[in-house]
Amino acid sequence: MARLILLNKPFNVLCQFTDKKGRPTLADFVTTPGVYPAGRLDYDSEGLVLLTDSGPLQARIADPQHKMTKTYWVQVEGRPDDSEIDALRSGVTLKDGPTRPAKVAIIEPPNVWERNPPIRYRENDVTTWLQIEISEGRNRQVRRMTAHIGHPTLRLIRASVGPWSLSDIGTPGEFTSVEVHMPKNSGSRRKPTKHTGKPTRRNSTQRKR
């Protein structure tokens, strides 16, 4: 069995355990020893981050060859029309090449927490929430996709990765731990990749103020 941590990462928290600049990191929230991120989530994005103590499970989640679906709730400027939505569904060409086709739908604003600080907002601004499902993990991919069609991302929340979702956790900064059965042929037993060194342990799941 492999240990898997599901964290609801708050806005403006680095997806690593240390930072020379003193910014908030995973160590401010995750107290479980010996786990490391399986995939990344940008500093200015929110939502589900998975951490594990298993190298094979980390590879299964993070490696694009496994095509594990990631679902995002994305608040964008303006209201994309049908042709712009269809462009995302078909795949758009970014500087690092064409994206795989995505599942995209306009949705009602999700019932989520208020962001702190809130997005910039003016009285006459029009914004739209999209649900975007992709099976890639390029750097800032979703933000680049919406910018490509002329609708920059204002807020981005990762709602799920594969079978794991935010519904399994609480508010930002909270996490839960589950056990995942790994088949014997799941790959080499390498250690999880350490992105920035060993985590600093805390006695609380909430960041010290």
N, C-alpha and C. Protein backbone atom coordinates (compact mmCIF):
# COMPACT_ATOMS: atom_id res chain seq x y z
N MET A 1 0.84 -1.20 0.00
CA MET A 1 0.00 0.00 0.00
C MET A 1 0.88 1.25 0.00
N ALA A 2 0.43 2.26 -0.74
CA ALA A 2 1.15 3.53 -0.78
C ALA A 2 0.31 4.60 -0.07
N ARG A 3 1.01 5.50 0.58
CA ARG A 3 0.32 6.60 1.25
C ARG A 3 0.12 7.75 0.28
N LEU A 4 -1.09 8.31 0.27
CA LEU A 4 -1.39 9.45 -0.59
C LEU A 4 -2.04 10.55 0.25
N ILE A 5 -1.49 11.75 0.15
CA ILE A 5 -2.02 12.92 0.84
C ILE A 5 -2.78 13.78 -0.17
N LEU A 6 -3.99 14.18 0.17
CA LEU A 6 -4.79 15.09 -0.65
C LEU A 6 -4.85 16.42 0.08
N LEU A 7 -4.23 17.43 -0.50
CA LEU A 7 -4.17 18.76 0.11
C LEU A 7 -4.95 19.76 -0.74
N ASN A 8 -5.72 20.60 -0.06
CA ASN A 8 -6.34 21.74 -0.73
C ASN A 8 -5.37 22.92 -0.60
N LYS A 9 -4.55 23.12 -1.64
CA LYS A 9 -3.51 24.15 -1.58
C LYS A 9 -4.12 25.54 -1.69
N PRO A 10 -3.80 26.42 -0.74
CA PRO A 10 -4.32 27.78 -0.84
C PRO A 10 -3.62 28.59 -1.94
N PHE A 11 -4.20 29.71 -2.27
CA PHE A 11 -3.61 30.67 -3.21
C PHE A 11 -2.28 31.18 -2.67
N ASN A 12 -1.33 31.41 -3.55
CA ASN A 12 -0.01 31.95 -3.21
C ASN A 12 0.73 31.10 -2.18
N VAL A 13 0.76 29.79 -2.46
CA VAL A 13 1.57 28.85 -1.69
C VAL A 13 2.39 28.05 -2.69
N LEU A 14 3.70 27.94 -2.46
CA LEU A 14 4.58 27.19 -3.35
C LEU A 14 4.34 25.69 -3.20
N CYS A 15 4.37 24.97 -4.31
CA CYS A 15 4.17 23.53 -4.30
C CYS A 15 5.51 22.82 -4.07
N GLN A 16 6.15 23.16 -2.97
CA GLN A 16 7.42 22.58 -2.54
C GLN A 16 7.53 22.82 -1.04
N PHE A 17 8.57 22.24 -0.42
CA PHE A 17 8.64 22.28 1.03
C PHE A 17 9.55 23.35 1.60
N THR A 18 10.38 23.97 0.79
CA THR A 18 11.25 25.03 1.29
C THR A 18 11.28 26.18 0.29
N ASP A 19 11.62 27.36 0.79
CA ASP A 19 11.76 28.53 -0.08
C ASP A 19 12.70 29.52 0.57
N LYS A 20 13.76 29.87 -0.15
CA LYS A 20 14.75 30.81 0.38
C LYS A 20 14.19 32.21 0.59
N LYS A 21 13.10 32.53 -0.11
CA LYS A 21 12.51 33.86 0.02
C LYS A 21 11.49 33.95 1.15
N GLY A 22 11.25 32.85 1.82
CA GLY A 22 10.34 32.87 2.96
C GLY A 22 8.86 32.85 2.61
N ARG A 23 8.53 32.47 1.37
CA ARG A 23 7.12 32.41 1.00
C ARG A 23 6.46 31.15 1.57
N PRO A 24 5.13 31.16 1.72
CA PRO A 24 4.45 29.96 2.23
C PRO A 24 4.71 28.76 1.32
N THR A 25 4.88 27.59 1.93
CA THR A 25 5.14 26.36 1.20
C THR A 25 4.26 25.24 1.76
N LEU A 26 4.39 24.07 1.17
CA LEU A 26 3.64 22.91 1.64
C LEU A 26 3.95 22.58 3.10
N ALA A 27 5.15 22.91 3.54
CA ALA A 27 5.54 22.60 4.92
C ALA A 27 4.70 23.36 5.94
N ASP A 28 4.05 24.42 5.52
CA ASP A 28 3.18 25.17 6.42
C ASP A 28 1.85 24.47 6.66
N PHE A 29 1.57 23.41 5.91
CA PHE A 29 0.27 22.75 5.99
C PHE A 29 0.36 21.24 6.18
N VAL A 30 1.29 20.58 5.49
CA VAL A 30 1.37 19.12 5.52
C VAL A 30 2.35 18.68 6.60
N THR A 31 1.86 17.89 7.54
CA THR A 31 2.68 17.45 8.67
C THR A 31 3.12 16.00 8.55
N THR A 32 2.66 15.30 7.53
CA THR A 32 2.99 13.89 7.35
C THR A 32 4.43 13.75 6.86
N PRO A 33 5.26 12.97 7.54
CA PRO A 33 6.66 12.85 7.11
C PRO A 33 6.81 11.97 5.88
N GLY A 34 7.84 12.25 5.08
CA GLY A 34 8.26 11.37 4.00
C GLY A 34 7.43 11.42 2.74
N VAL A 35 6.62 12.46 2.54
CA VAL A 35 5.83 12.56 1.32
C VAL A 35 6.31 13.74 0.48
N TYR A 36 6.12 13.60 -0.85
CA TYR A 36 6.57 14.63 -1.80
C TYR A 36 5.51 14.79 -2.88
N PRO A 37 5.45 15.97 -3.53
CA PRO A 37 4.39 16.23 -4.51
C PRO A 37 4.45 15.27 -5.71
N ALA A 38 3.28 14.83 -6.13
CA ALA A 38 3.13 14.07 -7.37
C ALA A 38 2.53 15.03 -8.39
N GLY A 39 3.39 15.73 -9.12
CA GLY A 39 2.93 16.80 -9.99
C GLY A 39 2.99 18.13 -9.27
N ARG A 40 2.76 19.20 -10.01
CA ARG A 40 2.88 20.53 -9.46
C ARG A 40 1.58 21.30 -9.64
N LEU A 41 1.46 22.38 -8.87
CA LEU A 41 0.37 23.34 -9.04
C LEU A 41 0.97 24.72 -8.80
N ASP A 42 0.71 25.65 -9.72
CA ASP A 42 1.36 26.95 -9.68
C ASP A 42 1.11 27.68 -8.36
N TYR A 43 2.05 28.54 -8.02
CA TYR A 43 1.98 29.39 -6.83
C TYR A 43 0.66 30.13 -6.75
N ASP A 44 0.19 30.67 -7.89
CA ASP A 44 -1.01 31.49 -7.91
C ASP A 44 -2.26 30.70 -8.28
N SER A 45 -2.19 29.38 -8.23
CA SER A 45 -3.35 28.53 -8.44
C SER A 45 -3.74 27.87 -7.12
N GLU A 46 -4.96 27.40 -7.06
CA GLU A 46 -5.50 26.81 -5.83
C GLU A 46 -5.99 25.40 -6.09
N GLY A 47 -6.27 24.69 -5.01
CA GLY A 47 -6.94 23.41 -5.16
C GLY A 47 -6.10 22.19 -4.89
N LEU A 48 -6.47 21.09 -5.52
CA LEU A 48 -5.95 19.76 -5.17
C LEU A 48 -4.49 19.58 -5.53
N VAL A 49 -3.70 19.21 -4.53
CA VAL A 49 -2.31 18.77 -4.71
C VAL A 49 -2.19 17.39 -4.07
N LEU A 50 -1.57 16.46 -4.79
CA LEU A 50 -1.36 15.11 -4.28
C LEU A 50 0.09 14.94 -3.88
N LEU A 51 0.32 14.30 -2.74
CA LEU A 51 1.67 14.00 -2.26
C LEU A 51 1.70 12.54 -1.86
N THR A 52 2.85 11.88 -2.07
CA THR A 52 2.95 10.47 -1.77
C THR A 52 4.35 10.10 -1.30
N ASP A 53 4.44 8.96 -0.63
CA ASP A 53 5.73 8.42 -0.22
C ASP A 53 6.18 7.31 -1.17
N SER A 54 5.45 7.12 -2.29
CA SER A 54 5.72 6.02 -3.22
C SER A 54 6.21 6.56 -4.55
N GLY A 55 7.41 6.13 -4.97
CA GLY A 55 7.93 6.53 -6.27
C GLY A 55 7.05 6.08 -7.43
N PRO A 56 6.64 4.79 -7.48
CA PRO A 56 5.77 4.35 -8.57
C PRO A 56 4.44 5.10 -8.63
N LEU A 57 3.85 5.39 -7.47
CA LEU A 57 2.59 6.13 -7.48
C LEU A 57 2.81 7.56 -7.94
N GLN A 58 3.92 8.16 -7.51
CA GLN A 58 4.24 9.51 -7.96
C GLN A 58 4.37 9.56 -9.49
N ALA A 59 5.04 8.55 -10.06
CA ALA A 59 5.21 8.49 -11.51
C ALA A 59 3.88 8.27 -12.22
N ARG A 60 3.05 7.41 -11.66
CA ARG A 60 1.75 7.11 -12.26
C ARG A 60 0.87 8.36 -12.32
N ILE A 61 0.96 9.21 -11.30
CA ILE A 61 0.14 10.41 -11.25
C ILE A 61 0.73 11.51 -12.12
N ALA A 62 2.04 11.71 -12.05
CA ALA A 62 2.66 12.88 -12.66
C ALA A 62 3.09 12.69 -14.11
N ASP A 63 3.37 11.45 -14.52
CA ASP A 63 3.90 11.23 -15.87
C ASP A 63 2.80 11.37 -16.91
N PRO A 64 2.95 12.28 -17.89
CA PRO A 64 1.91 12.48 -18.91
C PRO A 64 1.58 11.23 -19.72
N GLN A 65 2.49 10.25 -19.77
CA GLN A 65 2.21 9.06 -20.57
C GLN A 65 1.04 8.26 -20.01
N HIS A 66 0.73 8.45 -18.73
CA HIS A 66 -0.40 7.75 -18.13
C HIS A 66 -1.72 8.46 -18.41
N LYS A 67 -1.64 9.71 -18.92
CA LYS A 67 -2.82 10.47 -19.34
C LYS A 67 -3.88 10.54 -18.25
N MET A 68 -3.46 10.77 -17.00
CA MET A 68 -4.41 10.90 -15.91
C MET A 68 -5.11 12.26 -16.03
N THR A 69 -6.42 12.25 -16.06
CA THR A 69 -7.19 13.47 -16.29
C THR A 69 -7.14 14.39 -15.08
N LYS A 70 -6.95 15.68 -15.38
CA LYS A 70 -6.98 16.71 -14.35
C LYS A 70 -8.11 17.67 -14.71
N THR A 71 -8.94 18.00 -13.73
CA THR A 71 -10.08 18.88 -13.94
C THR A 71 -9.85 20.20 -13.22
N TYR A 72 -10.08 21.30 -13.94
CA TYR A 72 -9.88 22.64 -13.39
C TYR A 72 -11.16 23.45 -13.51
N TRP A 73 -11.42 24.28 -12.49
CA TRP A 73 -12.44 25.31 -12.57
C TRP A 73 -11.71 26.62 -12.82
N VAL A 74 -12.04 27.29 -13.90
CA VAL A 74 -11.25 28.42 -14.36
C VAL A 74 -12.15 29.63 -14.59
N GLN A 75 -11.88 30.70 -13.89
CA GLN A 75 -12.60 31.95 -14.09
C GLN A 75 -11.80 32.81 -15.06
N VAL A 76 -12.43 33.19 -16.18
CA VAL A 76 -11.73 33.92 -17.22
C VAL A 76 -12.39 35.26 -17.47
N GLU A 77 -11.63 36.17 -18.07
CA GLU A 77 -12.18 37.45 -18.49
C GLU A 77 -13.13 37.25 -19.66
N GLY A 78 -14.24 38.00 -19.65
CA GLY A 78 -15.18 37.96 -20.76
C GLY A 78 -15.98 36.66 -20.80
N ARG A 79 -16.60 36.41 -21.95
CA ARG A 79 -17.39 35.19 -22.15
C ARG A 79 -17.00 34.57 -23.48
N PRO A 80 -16.28 33.45 -23.46
CA PRO A 80 -15.88 32.80 -24.71
C PRO A 80 -17.10 32.40 -25.54
N ASP A 81 -16.99 32.57 -26.87
CA ASP A 81 -18.08 32.14 -27.74
C ASP A 81 -17.86 30.68 -28.15
N ASP A 82 -18.80 30.17 -28.91
CA ASP A 82 -18.75 28.74 -29.28
C ASP A 82 -17.48 28.38 -30.04
N SER A 83 -17.04 29.27 -30.93
CA SER A 83 -15.85 28.96 -31.72
C SER A 83 -14.60 28.91 -30.84
N GLU A 84 -14.55 29.75 -29.83
CA GLU A 84 -13.39 29.76 -28.93
C GLU A 84 -13.39 28.52 -28.04
N ILE A 85 -14.56 28.12 -27.56
CA ILE A 85 -14.66 26.88 -26.78
C ILE A 85 -14.27 25.68 -27.65
N ASP A 86 -14.75 25.67 -28.89
CA ASP A 86 -14.42 24.57 -29.80
C ASP A 86 -12.92 24.50 -30.08
N ALA A 87 -12.25 25.66 -30.11
CA ALA A 87 -10.80 25.67 -30.33
C ALA A 87 -10.09 24.93 -29.19
N LEU A 88 -10.52 25.16 -27.95
CA LEU A 88 -9.92 24.46 -26.82
C LEU A 88 -10.22 22.97 -26.89
N ARG A 89 -11.43 22.64 -27.31
CA ARG A 89 -11.80 21.22 -27.41
C ARG A 89 -10.99 20.49 -28.48
N SER A 90 -10.65 21.21 -29.53
CA SER A 90 -9.89 20.59 -30.63
C SER A 90 -8.40 20.55 -30.35
N GLY A 91 -7.92 21.47 -29.50
CA GLY A 91 -6.49 21.63 -29.24
C GLY A 91 -5.98 22.89 -29.88
N VAL A 92 -5.25 23.69 -29.11
CA VAL A 92 -4.68 24.93 -29.63
C VAL A 92 -3.16 24.78 -29.69
N THR A 93 -2.54 25.56 -30.54
CA THR A 93 -1.09 25.48 -30.70
C THR A 93 -0.42 26.57 -29.87
N LEU A 94 0.33 26.15 -28.87
CA LEU A 94 1.08 27.06 -28.01
C LEU A 94 2.53 27.09 -28.46
N LYS A 95 3.35 27.88 -27.80
CA LYS A 95 4.75 28.00 -28.20
C LYS A 95 5.50 26.68 -28.12
N ASP A 96 5.06 25.79 -27.21
CA ASP A 96 5.72 24.49 -27.08
C ASP A 96 4.94 23.38 -27.80
N GLY A 97 4.09 23.78 -28.77
CA GLY A 97 3.41 22.80 -29.60
C GLY A 97 1.92 22.71 -29.33
N PRO A 98 1.22 21.91 -30.14
CA PRO A 98 -0.23 21.78 -29.99
C PRO A 98 -0.61 21.02 -28.72
N THR A 99 -1.72 21.42 -28.13
CA THR A 99 -2.23 20.72 -26.95
C THR A 99 -3.12 19.57 -27.40
N ARG A 100 -3.27 18.60 -26.53
CA ARG A 100 -4.24 17.55 -26.78
C ARG A 100 -5.65 18.14 -26.68
N PRO A 101 -6.62 17.55 -27.36
CA PRO A 101 -8.00 18.01 -27.19
C PRO A 101 -8.42 17.98 -25.72
N ALA A 102 -9.15 19.01 -25.31
CA ALA A 102 -9.60 19.13 -23.93
C ALA A 102 -11.12 19.04 -23.87
N LYS A 103 -11.63 18.61 -22.73
CA LYS A 103 -13.07 18.69 -22.48
C LYS A 103 -13.33 20.05 -21.81
N VAL A 104 -14.19 20.85 -22.41
CA VAL A 104 -14.43 22.21 -21.93
C VAL A 104 -15.92 22.48 -21.90
N ALA A 105 -16.39 23.09 -20.81
CA ALA A 105 -17.79 23.47 -20.69
C ALA A 105 -17.89 24.76 -19.88
N ILE A 106 -18.84 25.60 -20.24
CA ILE A 106 -19.17 26.76 -19.41
C ILE A 106 -20.03 26.27 -18.24
N ILE A 107 -19.69 26.68 -17.02
CA ILE A 107 -20.40 26.21 -15.83
C ILE A 107 -20.85 27.39 -14.99
N GLU A 108 -21.77 27.13 -14.08
CA GLU A 108 -22.14 28.12 -13.08
C GLU A 108 -20.98 28.31 -12.11
N PRO A 109 -20.85 29.49 -11.51
CA PRO A 109 -19.76 29.67 -10.54
C PRO A 109 -19.80 28.56 -9.48
N PRO A 110 -18.69 27.85 -9.29
CA PRO A 110 -18.69 26.76 -8.31
C PRO A 110 -18.82 27.28 -6.89
N ASN A 111 -19.35 26.44 -6.03
CA ASN A 111 -19.53 26.81 -4.63
C ASN A 111 -18.22 26.59 -3.88
N VAL A 112 -17.34 27.59 -3.97
CA VAL A 112 -16.02 27.48 -3.37
C VAL A 112 -15.77 28.66 -2.43
N TRP A 113 -14.69 28.60 -1.71
CA TRP A 113 -14.27 29.61 -0.77
C TRP A 113 -13.94 30.93 -1.48
N GLU A 114 -13.97 32.03 -0.72
CA GLU A 114 -13.51 33.31 -1.24
C GLU A 114 -11.99 33.30 -1.28
N ARG A 115 -11.45 33.81 -2.38
CA ARG A 115 -10.00 33.89 -2.47
C ARG A 115 -9.49 35.09 -1.70
N ASN A 116 -8.33 34.94 -1.08
CA ASN A 116 -7.70 36.04 -0.34
C ASN A 116 -6.26 36.22 -0.83
N PRO A 117 -5.98 37.35 -1.55
CA PRO A 117 -6.91 38.44 -1.90
C PRO A 117 -7.81 38.03 -3.06
N PRO A 118 -8.95 38.74 -3.21
CA PRO A 118 -9.86 38.42 -4.31
C PRO A 118 -9.28 38.83 -5.65
N ILE A 119 -9.86 38.31 -6.74
CA ILE A 119 -9.42 38.72 -8.06
C ILE A 119 -9.75 40.20 -8.26
N ARG A 120 -9.04 40.85 -9.18
CA ARG A 120 -9.37 42.24 -9.50
C ARG A 120 -10.76 42.26 -10.14
N TYR A 121 -11.55 43.22 -9.77
CA TYR A 121 -12.92 43.26 -10.28
C TYR A 121 -13.40 44.69 -10.40
N ARG A 122 -14.01 45.01 -11.54
CA ARG A 122 -14.64 46.31 -11.75
C ARG A 122 -16.11 46.09 -12.03
N GLU A 123 -16.93 47.09 -11.76
CA GLU A 123 -18.38 46.94 -11.79
C GLU A 123 -18.89 46.40 -13.12
N ASN A 124 -18.28 46.81 -14.21
CA ASN A 124 -18.77 46.40 -15.53
C ASN A 124 -18.05 45.17 -16.09
N ASP A 125 -17.20 44.56 -15.29
CA ASP A 125 -16.46 43.40 -15.77
C ASP A 125 -17.41 42.21 -15.98
N VAL A 126 -17.16 41.46 -17.05
CA VAL A 126 -17.86 40.21 -17.30
C VAL A 126 -16.84 39.08 -17.16
N THR A 127 -17.16 38.09 -16.35
CA THR A 127 -16.29 36.93 -16.22
C THR A 127 -17.12 35.66 -16.42
N THR A 128 -16.43 34.58 -16.76
CA THR A 128 -17.07 33.30 -17.02
C THR A 128 -16.27 32.19 -16.35
N TRP A 129 -16.99 31.21 -15.80
CA TRP A 129 -16.34 30.04 -15.24
C TRP A 129 -16.39 28.91 -16.28
N LEU A 130 -15.24 28.29 -16.49
CA LEU A 130 -15.12 27.13 -17.36
C LEU A 130 -14.68 25.92 -16.55
N GLN A 131 -15.15 24.75 -16.95
CA GLN A 131 -14.57 23.50 -16.46
C GLN A 131 -13.74 22.92 -17.58
N ILE A 132 -12.44 22.75 -17.32
CA ILE A 132 -11.51 22.27 -18.33
C ILE A 132 -10.85 20.99 -17.84
N GLU A 133 -10.93 19.95 -18.66
CA GLU A 133 -10.30 18.67 -18.33
C GLU A 133 -9.18 18.42 -19.34
N ILE A 134 -7.98 18.20 -18.83
CA ILE A 134 -6.84 17.91 -19.70
C ILE A 134 -6.10 16.69 -19.16
N SER A 135 -5.24 16.11 -20.01
CA SER A 135 -4.44 14.95 -19.59
C SER A 135 -2.96 15.23 -19.79
N GLU A 136 -2.60 16.52 -19.78
CA GLU A 136 -1.21 16.93 -19.89
C GLU A 136 -0.82 17.70 -18.64
N GLY A 137 0.44 18.08 -18.56
CA GLY A 137 0.90 18.83 -17.40
C GLY A 137 1.96 19.85 -17.74
N ARG A 138 1.78 20.57 -18.83
CA ARG A 138 2.77 21.58 -19.21
C ARG A 138 2.74 22.77 -18.25
N ASN A 139 3.83 23.51 -18.23
CA ASN A 139 3.93 24.66 -17.36
C ASN A 139 2.83 25.68 -17.69
N ARG A 140 2.01 25.99 -16.70
CA ARG A 140 0.94 27.00 -16.80
C ARG A 140 0.06 26.77 -18.03
N GLN A 141 -0.20 25.52 -18.33
CA GLN A 141 -0.88 25.17 -19.57
C GLN A 141 -2.28 25.75 -19.67
N VAL A 142 -3.10 25.59 -18.64
CA VAL A 142 -4.48 26.07 -18.72
C VAL A 142 -4.52 27.58 -18.90
N ARG A 143 -3.68 28.28 -18.18
CA ARG A 143 -3.63 29.75 -18.32
C ARG A 143 -3.23 30.14 -19.74
N ARG A 144 -2.27 29.43 -20.31
CA ARG A 144 -1.84 29.75 -21.68
C ARG A 144 -2.93 29.40 -22.69
N MET A 145 -3.69 28.35 -22.43
CA MET A 145 -4.77 27.98 -23.34
C MET A 145 -5.85 29.04 -23.38
N THR A 146 -6.27 29.53 -22.21
CA THR A 146 -7.34 30.54 -22.20
C THR A 146 -6.84 31.87 -22.75
N ALA A 147 -5.57 32.20 -22.49
CA ALA A 147 -5.01 33.42 -23.06
C ALA A 147 -4.96 33.33 -24.58
N HIS A 148 -4.69 32.13 -25.09
CA HIS A 148 -4.59 31.93 -26.54
C HIS A 148 -5.90 32.27 -27.25
N ILE A 149 -7.03 32.01 -26.61
CA ILE A 149 -8.31 32.31 -27.23
C ILE A 149 -8.82 33.70 -26.84
N GLY A 150 -7.99 34.49 -26.16
CA GLY A 150 -8.34 35.86 -25.84
C GLY A 150 -9.10 36.07 -24.56
N HIS A 151 -9.04 35.08 -23.63
CA HIS A 151 -9.75 35.19 -22.35
C HIS A 151 -8.81 34.80 -21.21
N PRO A 152 -8.00 35.75 -20.75
CA PRO A 152 -7.02 35.45 -19.70
C PRO A 152 -7.68 34.88 -18.44
N THR A 153 -6.97 33.99 -17.79
CA THR A 153 -7.45 33.38 -16.55
C THR A 153 -7.29 34.36 -15.39
N LEU A 154 -8.36 34.51 -14.61
CA LEU A 154 -8.34 35.34 -13.41
C LEU A 154 -8.17 34.50 -12.15
N ARG A 155 -8.75 33.31 -12.18
CA ARG A 155 -8.65 32.41 -11.02
C ARG A 155 -8.67 30.99 -11.52
N LEU A 156 -7.82 30.14 -10.92
CA LEU A 156 -7.72 28.75 -11.36
C LEU A 156 -7.71 27.84 -10.14
N ILE A 157 -8.64 26.89 -10.13
CA ILE A 157 -8.76 25.92 -9.04
C ILE A 157 -8.70 24.52 -9.63
N ARG A 158 -7.77 23.69 -9.15
CA ARG A 158 -7.75 22.30 -9.60
C ARG A 158 -8.74 21.52 -8.75
N ALA A 159 -9.75 20.96 -9.44
CA ALA A 159 -10.83 20.28 -8.73
C ALA A 159 -10.58 18.80 -8.54
N SER A 160 -9.85 18.17 -9.49
CA SER A 160 -9.61 16.73 -9.35
C SER A 160 -8.40 16.30 -10.15
N VAL A 161 -7.83 15.18 -9.74
CA VAL A 161 -6.76 14.50 -10.47
C VAL A 161 -7.12 13.03 -10.47
N GLY A 162 -7.39 12.48 -11.67
CA GLY A 162 -7.83 11.09 -11.72
C GLY A 162 -9.06 10.89 -10.85
N PRO A 163 -9.05 9.88 -9.96
CA PRO A 163 -10.22 9.61 -9.13
C PRO A 163 -10.30 10.44 -7.86
N TRP A 164 -9.30 11.30 -7.61
CA TRP A 164 -9.26 12.06 -6.36
C TRP A 164 -9.73 13.49 -6.60
N SER A 165 -10.52 14.03 -5.67
CA SER A 165 -11.09 15.35 -5.89
C SER A 165 -11.13 16.17 -4.62
N LEU A 166 -11.43 17.47 -4.80
CA LEU A 166 -11.55 18.38 -3.67
C LEU A 166 -12.69 17.99 -2.73
N SER A 167 -13.67 17.25 -3.23
CA SER A 167 -14.78 16.86 -2.37
C SER A 167 -14.33 15.96 -1.23
N ASP A 168 -13.11 15.41 -1.35
CA ASP A 168 -12.57 14.53 -0.31
C ASP A 168 -11.84 15.30 0.79
N ILE A 169 -11.73 16.63 0.63
CA ILE A 169 -10.96 17.45 1.57
C ILE A 169 -11.87 18.53 2.14
N GLY A 170 -11.28 19.41 2.98
CA GLY A 170 -12.02 20.52 3.54
C GLY A 170 -11.63 21.83 2.88
N THR A 171 -11.46 22.83 3.69
CA THR A 171 -11.15 24.18 3.23
C THR A 171 -9.67 24.31 2.88
N PRO A 172 -9.27 25.40 2.22
CA PRO A 172 -7.86 25.58 1.87
C PRO A 172 -6.94 25.43 3.07
N GLY A 173 -5.86 24.68 2.87
CA GLY A 173 -4.90 24.42 3.94
C GLY A 173 -5.14 23.10 4.65
N GLU A 174 -6.28 22.47 4.43
CA GLU A 174 -6.57 21.19 5.06
C GLU A 174 -6.17 20.04 4.14
N PHE A 175 -5.89 18.89 4.74
CA PHE A 175 -5.55 17.71 3.94
C PHE A 175 -6.09 16.46 4.59
N THR A 176 -6.16 15.40 3.79
CA THR A 176 -6.55 14.10 4.29
C THR A 176 -5.59 13.06 3.74
N SER A 177 -5.51 11.92 4.39
CA SER A 177 -4.59 10.86 4.00
C SER A 177 -5.36 9.60 3.66
N VAL A 178 -4.98 8.96 2.52
CA VAL A 178 -5.61 7.71 2.12
C VAL A 178 -4.51 6.72 1.75
N GLU A 179 -4.88 5.45 1.67
CA GLU A 179 -3.95 4.42 1.23
C GLU A 179 -4.38 3.94 -0.15
N VAL A 180 -3.39 3.75 -1.04
CA VAL A 180 -3.65 3.33 -2.41
C VAL A 180 -2.96 2.00 -2.66
N HIS A 181 -3.70 1.04 -3.17
CA HIS A 181 -3.11 -0.26 -3.50
C HIS A 181 -2.33 -0.14 -4.80
N MET A 182 -1.08 -0.54 -4.78
CA MET A 182 -0.23 -0.52 -5.97
C MET A 182 0.01 -1.94 -6.44
N PRO A 183 -0.33 -2.26 -7.70
CA PRO A 183 -0.07 -3.61 -8.21
C PRO A 183 1.41 -3.91 -8.25
N LYS A 184 1.76 -5.20 -8.22
CA LYS A 184 3.16 -5.61 -8.17
C LYS A 184 3.93 -5.17 -9.40
N ASN A 185 3.26 -5.02 -10.53
CA ASN A 185 3.94 -4.64 -11.77
C ASN A 185 3.84 -3.14 -12.04
N SER A 186 3.71 -2.34 -10.95
CA SER A 186 3.48 -0.91 -11.11
C SER A 186 4.73 -0.13 -11.44
N GLY A 187 5.89 -0.80 -11.54
CA GLY A 187 7.10 -0.08 -11.93
C GLY A 187 8.19 -0.22 -10.90
N SER A 188 9.30 0.45 -11.13
CA SER A 188 10.44 0.37 -10.22
C SER A 188 10.12 1.03 -8.90
N ARG A 189 10.81 0.61 -7.88
CA ARG A 189 10.58 1.12 -6.53
C ARG A 189 11.50 2.29 -6.22
N ARG A 190 11.57 3.25 -7.16
CA ARG A 190 12.43 4.40 -6.91
C ARG A 190 11.79 5.31 -5.88
N LYS A 191 12.62 6.09 -5.21
CA LYS A 191 12.11 7.03 -4.23
C LYS A 191 11.43 8.20 -4.94
N PRO A 192 10.42 8.82 -4.28
CA PRO A 192 9.80 10.00 -4.87
C PRO A 192 10.83 11.09 -5.13
N THR A 193 10.62 11.86 -6.19
CA THR A 193 11.52 12.95 -6.53
C THR A 193 11.44 14.03 -5.48
N LYS A 194 12.59 14.44 -4.95
CA LYS A 194 12.63 15.53 -3.99
C LYS A 194 12.88 16.82 -4.74
N HIS A 195 11.88 17.70 -4.73
CA HIS A 195 11.98 18.91 -5.53
C HIS A 195 12.90 19.95 -4.90
N THR A 196 12.84 20.12 -3.59
CA THR A 196 13.63 21.19 -2.97
C THR A 196 14.18 20.79 -1.60
N GLY A 197 14.39 19.52 -1.37
CA GLY A 197 14.97 19.14 -0.10
C GLY A 197 13.92 18.60 0.86
N LYS A 198 14.34 18.31 2.08
CA LYS A 198 13.46 17.71 3.06
C LYS A 198 12.48 18.74 3.60
N PRO A 199 11.23 18.29 3.90
CA PRO A 199 10.25 19.23 4.43
C PRO A 199 10.55 19.63 5.86
N THR A 200 10.11 20.81 6.24
CA THR A 200 10.16 21.27 7.62
C THR A 200 8.86 20.89 8.28
N ARG A 201 8.92 20.19 9.38
CA ARG A 201 7.70 19.70 10.02
C ARG A 201 7.05 20.79 10.86
N ARG A 202 5.73 20.77 10.86
CA ARG A 202 4.94 21.67 11.68
C ARG A 202 3.99 20.84 12.52
N ASN A 203 3.50 21.41 13.62
CA ASN A 203 2.59 20.69 14.51
C ASN A 203 1.14 20.98 14.24
N SER A 204 0.87 21.77 13.19
CA SER A 204 -0.50 22.12 12.85
C SER A 204 -0.68 22.05 11.36
N THR A 205 -1.93 21.80 10.93
CA THR A 205 -2.20 21.80 9.50
C THR A 205 -2.44 23.20 8.98
N GLN A 206 -2.46 24.19 9.84
CA GLN A 206 -2.64 25.56 9.41
C GLN A 206 -1.32 26.31 9.50
N ARG A 207 -1.07 27.21 8.54
CA ARG A 207 0.17 27.96 8.51
C ARG A 207 0.24 28.92 9.69
N LYS A 208 1.38 28.98 10.34
CA LYS A 208 1.56 29.91 11.44
C LYS A 208 1.55 31.33 10.92
N ARG A 209 0.89 32.21 11.61
CA ARG A 209 0.79 33.60 11.22
C ARG A 209 1.87 34.44 11.89
